[in-house]
Amino acid sequence: MLIPFSKMEAQGNDFVILELIPALKTNLPLNILAADICKNHTGVGADGLVILLASEVADGKMIIYNKDGSRAEMCGSALRCCASLLSGYTGKKELKIETDSGVKRANIKAEGIQVSLGQPTLIKDHIWVEGIEGTLVDIGNLHFVSYQDVLNGQEQRLGPLLEKHPSFPGPVNVEFVHPYSAKEIEMKVWEKGVGPTQACGTGAVASVFTGINRGILADEVKVNMPGGEVLIRKLENGEFLLEGPVTNVFNGVYIWKI
């Protein structure tokens, strides 16, 4: 089977995207395809597989699967990639995108793609798990955020242990954060179903949300990640905006032997 795709990235968080518009659904076994196409050496190589479909309630619909074939509820990086593609189709600068976590708004700006991820929910603060103190946050997906004095590879050592820890209601993304100031942080991430990644948009929002709640951060924060930086802004209504550039790396056709 020949499968046309686009390879896109946002701060190094990379995706294989199947643009299936104007279809409303697909019969492809997406969990199996994701595990195959995202492999680094025998597939295209990516953090996740994204399906872009037509929507009856928005400008398009995003479905995302992690590298291991598990379904992801939300991804801020993939959402911005989809917004960029949909803007190309429609010519619109303001878009609505249907996701598993509801309809999200996106704006195409000169400095990057801005998306609204809504209002995060604080599940529990000051949790101790395996000797690590952190905060559990829901922003369409679950995040365990831990502020640290120094970042020295905790995501590599502790991410696999914390991802599926029985202390949590389900698998979590894990962020380790070091604040430079009230307006700038460094963040490293272990994403559930993927492993260490270069960036995580929802993780950046969860990290800033946690810092604001603890009185550490301002309402507008630059988040530095291994693959680049994004800007997070909290609005007066509690809504959080994520902004940063995306890149279309290349297009191709995947020969899938099923």
Protein backbone atom coordinates (compact mmCIF):
# COMPACT_ATOMS: atom_id res chain seq x y z
CA MET A 1 0.00 0.00 0.00
CA LEU A 2 1.30 3.44 -0.96
CA ILE A 3 0.57 6.10 1.66
CA PRO A 4 1.33 9.77 0.82
CA PHE A 5 2.41 11.79 3.84
CA SER A 6 3.86 15.07 5.06
CA LYS A 7 6.65 15.19 7.63
CA MET A 8 6.33 18.23 9.92
CA GLU A 9 8.00 19.40 13.10
CA ALA A 10 7.45 21.93 15.85
CA GLN A 11 10.61 22.60 17.89
CA GLY A 12 11.84 19.14 16.92
CA ASN A 13 8.62 17.40 17.98
CA ASP A 14 8.05 15.61 14.67
CA PHE A 15 5.07 13.96 13.02
CA VAL A 16 4.05 11.96 10.00
CA ILE A 17 0.81 13.57 8.82
CA LEU A 18 -1.74 11.93 6.54
CA GLU A 19 -3.87 14.61 4.88
CA LEU A 20 -7.15 12.79 4.21
CA ILE A 21 -9.47 15.78 3.70
CA PRO A 22 -12.26 15.76 2.41
CA ALA A 23 -12.83 12.34 4.07
CA LEU A 24 -14.61 12.39 7.44
CA LYS A 25 -13.11 9.06 8.53
CA THR A 26 -10.63 6.38 7.54
CA ASN A 27 -10.61 2.61 7.77
CA LEU A 28 -6.84 2.35 8.05
CA PRO A 29 -5.64 0.41 11.15
CA LEU A 30 -4.04 3.55 12.56
CA ASN A 31 -2.52 2.02 15.70
CA ILE A 32 -0.61 -0.54 13.63
CA LEU A 33 0.35 2.01 10.99
CA ALA A 34 1.62 4.43 13.64
CA ALA A 35 3.94 1.83 15.18
CA ASP A 36 5.34 0.99 11.73
CA ILE A 37 5.64 4.39 10.07
CA CYS A 38 7.11 6.14 13.15
CA LYS A 39 10.04 3.71 13.52
CA ASN A 40 13.35 5.52 13.17
CA HIS A 41 15.22 3.03 11.04
CA THR A 42 12.64 1.02 9.10
CA GLY A 43 9.90 3.66 8.83
CA VAL A 44 9.78 7.41 8.22
CA GLY A 45 10.69 8.14 11.85
CA ALA A 46 8.58 10.44 14.04
CA ASP A 47 7.18 11.02 17.52
CA GLY A 48 3.66 10.38 16.29
CA LEU A 49 1.24 9.77 13.43
CA VAL A 50 -1.34 12.50 12.77
CA ILE A 51 -4.49 12.05 10.70
CA LEU A 52 -6.05 15.23 9.31
CA LEU A 53 -9.69 14.72 8.35
CA ALA A 54 -12.65 16.88 7.43
CA SER A 55 -14.95 17.88 10.30
CA GLU A 56 -18.66 18.63 10.55
CA VAL A 57 -18.09 21.09 13.43
CA ALA A 58 -14.73 22.72 12.59
CA ASP A 59 -12.30 23.48 9.76
CA GLY A 60 -10.69 20.07 10.22
CA LYS A 61 -10.24 17.17 12.62
CA MET A 62 -6.97 15.97 14.14
CA ILE A 63 -6.42 12.39 15.31
CA ILE A 64 -3.03 11.50 16.76
CA TYR A 65 -1.31 8.26 17.65
CA ASN A 66 1.91 7.97 19.63
CA LYS A 67 5.01 6.25 18.33
CA ASP A 68 4.06 3.02 20.14
CA GLY A 69 0.63 2.90 18.48
CA SER A 70 -1.35 4.21 21.47
CA ARG A 71 -3.95 6.94 20.93
CA ALA A 72 -3.03 10.41 22.19
CA GLU A 73 -5.76 12.69 23.52
CA MET A 74 -4.05 15.98 22.70
CA CYS A 75 -0.80 17.38 21.30
CA GLY A 76 -0.07 21.09 21.12
CA SER A 77 2.77 20.66 18.64
CA ALA A 78 0.70 18.52 16.24
CA LEU A 79 -2.22 20.93 16.60
CA ARG A 80 -0.06 23.80 15.34
CA CYS A 81 1.17 21.66 12.42
CA CYS A 82 -2.43 20.87 11.47
CA ALA A 83 -3.36 24.55 11.75
CA SER A 84 -0.60 25.40 9.30
CA LEU A 85 -1.83 22.80 6.79
CA LEU A 86 -5.48 23.82 7.16
CA SER A 87 -4.60 27.46 6.63
CA GLY A 88 -2.98 26.44 3.36
CA TYR A 89 -6.17 24.67 2.25
CA THR A 90 -8.65 27.29 3.34
CA GLY A 91 -6.70 30.55 3.24
CA LYS A 92 -7.99 31.27 6.74
CA LYS A 93 -5.84 32.88 9.45
CA GLU A 94 -8.28 31.92 12.21
CA LEU A 95 -9.26 28.27 12.44
CA LYS A 96 -11.16 25.76 14.55
CA ILE A 97 -9.80 22.22 14.82
CA GLU A 98 -11.70 19.26 16.24
CA THR A 99 -9.65 17.02 18.56
CA ASP A 100 -10.28 14.22 21.06
CA SER A 101 -10.18 16.95 23.73
CA GLY A 102 -12.72 19.22 22.06
CA VAL A 103 -12.60 21.95 19.42
CA LYS A 104 -9.48 24.14 19.66
CA ARG A 105 -8.86 27.58 18.18
CA ALA A 106 -5.77 28.48 16.14
CA ASN A 107 -4.40 31.74 14.74
CA ILE A 108 -1.80 32.05 12.00
CA LYS A 109 0.61 34.83 12.97
CA ALA A 110 3.79 36.17 11.39
CA GLU A 111 5.89 34.92 14.33
CA GLY A 112 4.32 31.46 14.45
CA ILE A 113 1.17 29.42 14.95
CA GLN A 114 -0.83 30.25 18.08
CA VAL A 115 -3.33 27.78 19.54
CA SER A 116 -5.59 27.90 22.55
CA LEU A 117 -5.41 24.83 24.78
CA GLY A 118 -8.16 26.02 27.11
CA GLN A 119 -8.01 26.06 30.89
CA PRO A 120 -5.77 23.43 32.51
CA THR A 121 -7.10 21.54 35.52
CA LEU A 122 -5.03 21.08 38.64
CA ILE A 123 -5.53 17.46 39.72
CA LYS A 124 -3.17 17.49 42.70
CA ASP A 125 -0.21 19.59 43.81
CA HIS A 126 2.87 18.61 45.80
CA ILE A 127 2.68 14.89 45.05
CA TRP A 128 5.66 12.73 46.01
CA VAL A 129 6.27 9.80 43.65
CA GLU A 130 9.47 7.73 43.78
CA GLY A 131 11.17 10.52 45.69
CA ILE A 132 10.17 13.18 43.13
CA GLU A 133 7.87 16.05 44.09
CA GLY A 134 5.54 17.40 41.44
CA THR A 135 2.11 18.46 40.24
CA LEU A 136 -0.48 16.47 38.29
CA VAL A 137 -2.18 18.59 35.60
CA ASP A 138 -4.86 17.78 33.02
CA ILE A 139 -4.79 19.82 29.81
CA GLY A 140 -6.62 17.37 27.60
CA ASN A 141 -3.91 14.88 28.56
CA LEU A 142 -2.19 14.19 31.88
CA HIS A 143 1.14 15.74 32.90
CA PHE A 144 3.32 15.28 35.95
CA VAL A 145 5.40 18.46 36.31
CA SER A 146 8.41 18.58 38.63
CA TYR A 147 10.40 21.77 39.28
CA GLN A 148 14.12 21.15 39.82
CA ASP A 149 17.17 23.20 40.84
CA VAL A 150 19.21 21.54 38.08
CA LEU A 151 18.22 19.56 34.98
CA ASN A 152 20.66 16.71 34.57
CA GLY A 153 18.88 14.00 32.61
CA GLN A 154 16.02 13.26 35.01
CA GLU A 155 13.67 12.70 32.06
CA GLN A 156 15.86 9.85 30.82
CA ARG A 157 16.28 8.20 34.22
CA LEU A 158 12.88 8.78 35.77
CA GLY A 159 10.54 9.24 32.82
CA PRO A 160 10.05 5.51 32.15
CA LEU A 161 9.37 4.87 35.83
CA LEU A 162 6.88 7.71 36.23
CA GLU A 163 5.02 7.35 32.91
CA LYS A 164 2.87 4.41 34.03
CA HIS A 165 3.26 4.72 37.80
CA PRO A 166 0.33 3.29 39.80
CA SER A 167 0.11 6.55 41.78
CA PHE A 168 -1.47 8.20 38.72
CA PRO A 169 -4.95 7.58 37.26
CA GLY A 170 -3.40 6.75 33.89
CA PRO A 171 -0.20 7.14 31.88
CA VAL A 172 1.34 10.61 32.16
CA ASN A 173 3.71 12.86 30.27
CA VAL A 174 6.56 13.87 32.56
CA GLU A 175 8.18 17.33 32.58
CA PHE A 176 11.23 18.43 34.54
CA VAL A 177 11.47 22.22 34.77
CA HIS A 178 14.10 24.73 35.86
CA PRO A 179 13.09 28.43 36.13
CA TYR A 180 15.62 31.01 34.90
CA SER A 181 13.32 33.87 35.93
CA ALA A 182 9.63 34.64 36.28
CA LYS A 183 9.43 34.95 32.48
CA GLU A 184 11.69 32.13 31.24
CA ILE A 185 12.09 28.42 32.02
CA GLU A 186 13.93 25.39 30.74
CA MET A 187 11.91 22.19 30.28
CA LYS A 188 12.73 18.61 29.37
CA VAL A 189 10.11 15.98 28.72
CA TRP A 190 9.38 12.27 28.64
CA GLU A 191 6.23 11.76 26.55
CA LYS A 192 3.99 8.79 27.20
CA GLY A 193 4.03 6.29 24.37
CA VAL A 194 7.09 7.97 22.84
CA GLY A 195 9.95 8.57 25.26
CA PRO A 196 12.21 11.65 25.42
CA THR A 197 11.24 14.21 22.80
CA GLN A 198 12.69 17.51 21.64
CA ALA A 199 9.58 19.44 22.69
CA CYS A 200 6.02 19.15 23.98
CA GLY A 201 3.44 21.90 23.55
CA THR A 202 0.93 20.69 26.15
CA GLY A 203 3.87 19.99 28.48
CA ALA A 204 5.02 23.59 28.10
CA VAL A 205 1.55 24.83 29.05
CA ALA A 206 1.31 22.42 32.01
CA SER A 207 4.74 23.56 33.23
CA VAL A 208 3.87 27.26 33.06
CA PHE A 209 0.45 26.62 34.63
CA THR A 210 2.17 24.87 37.54
CA GLY A 211 4.69 27.69 37.96
CA ILE A 212 1.98 30.36 37.96
CA ASN A 213 -0.03 28.43 40.56
CA ARG A 214 3.03 28.23 42.77
CA GLY A 215 3.76 31.95 42.45
CA ILE A 216 7.01 31.35 40.56
CA LEU A 217 6.10 32.53 37.06
CA ALA A 218 4.46 35.49 35.32
CA ASP A 219 1.49 35.21 32.95
CA GLU A 220 3.74 35.23 29.86
CA VAL A 221 6.69 32.85 29.78
CA LYS A 222 9.28 31.71 27.24
CA VAL A 223 9.81 27.95 27.44
CA ASN A 224 13.18 26.63 26.26
CA MET A 225 13.23 22.96 25.20
CA PRO A 226 15.93 20.87 23.52
CA GLY A 227 14.38 21.48 20.08
CA GLY A 228 13.57 25.16 20.43
CA GLU A 229 11.39 27.64 22.27
CA VAL A 230 7.71 28.51 22.52
CA LEU A 231 5.78 31.32 24.16
CA ILE A 232 3.04 30.52 26.68
CA ARG A 233 0.51 33.17 27.67
CA LYS A 234 -2.23 33.00 30.30
CA LEU A 235 -5.30 35.10 29.56
CA GLU A 236 -7.51 36.77 32.17
CA ASN A 237 -10.18 34.08 31.72
CA GLY A 238 -7.67 31.35 32.65
CA GLU A 239 -7.20 30.18 29.08
CA PHE A 240 -3.65 29.32 27.96
CA LEU A 241 -2.17 30.14 24.54
CA LEU A 242 0.76 28.27 22.98
CA GLU A 243 2.73 29.97 20.23
CA GLY A 244 5.69 28.90 18.10
CA PRO A 245 6.78 28.19 14.52
CA VAL A 246 6.33 24.91 12.65
CA THR A 247 8.14 23.53 9.61
CA ASN A 248 7.09 21.27 6.76
CA VAL A 249 10.23 19.11 6.54
CA PHE A 250 9.39 17.03 3.46
CA ASN A 251 6.65 15.11 1.65
CA GLY A 252 6.85 11.51 0.53
CA VAL A 253 5.12 8.19 -0.04
CA TYR A 254 5.43 5.36 2.48
CA ILE A 255 5.41 1.84 1.11
CA TRP A 256 3.51 -0.08 3.76
CA LYS A 257 3.82 -3.86 3.56
CA ILE A 258 0.73 -5.12 5.41
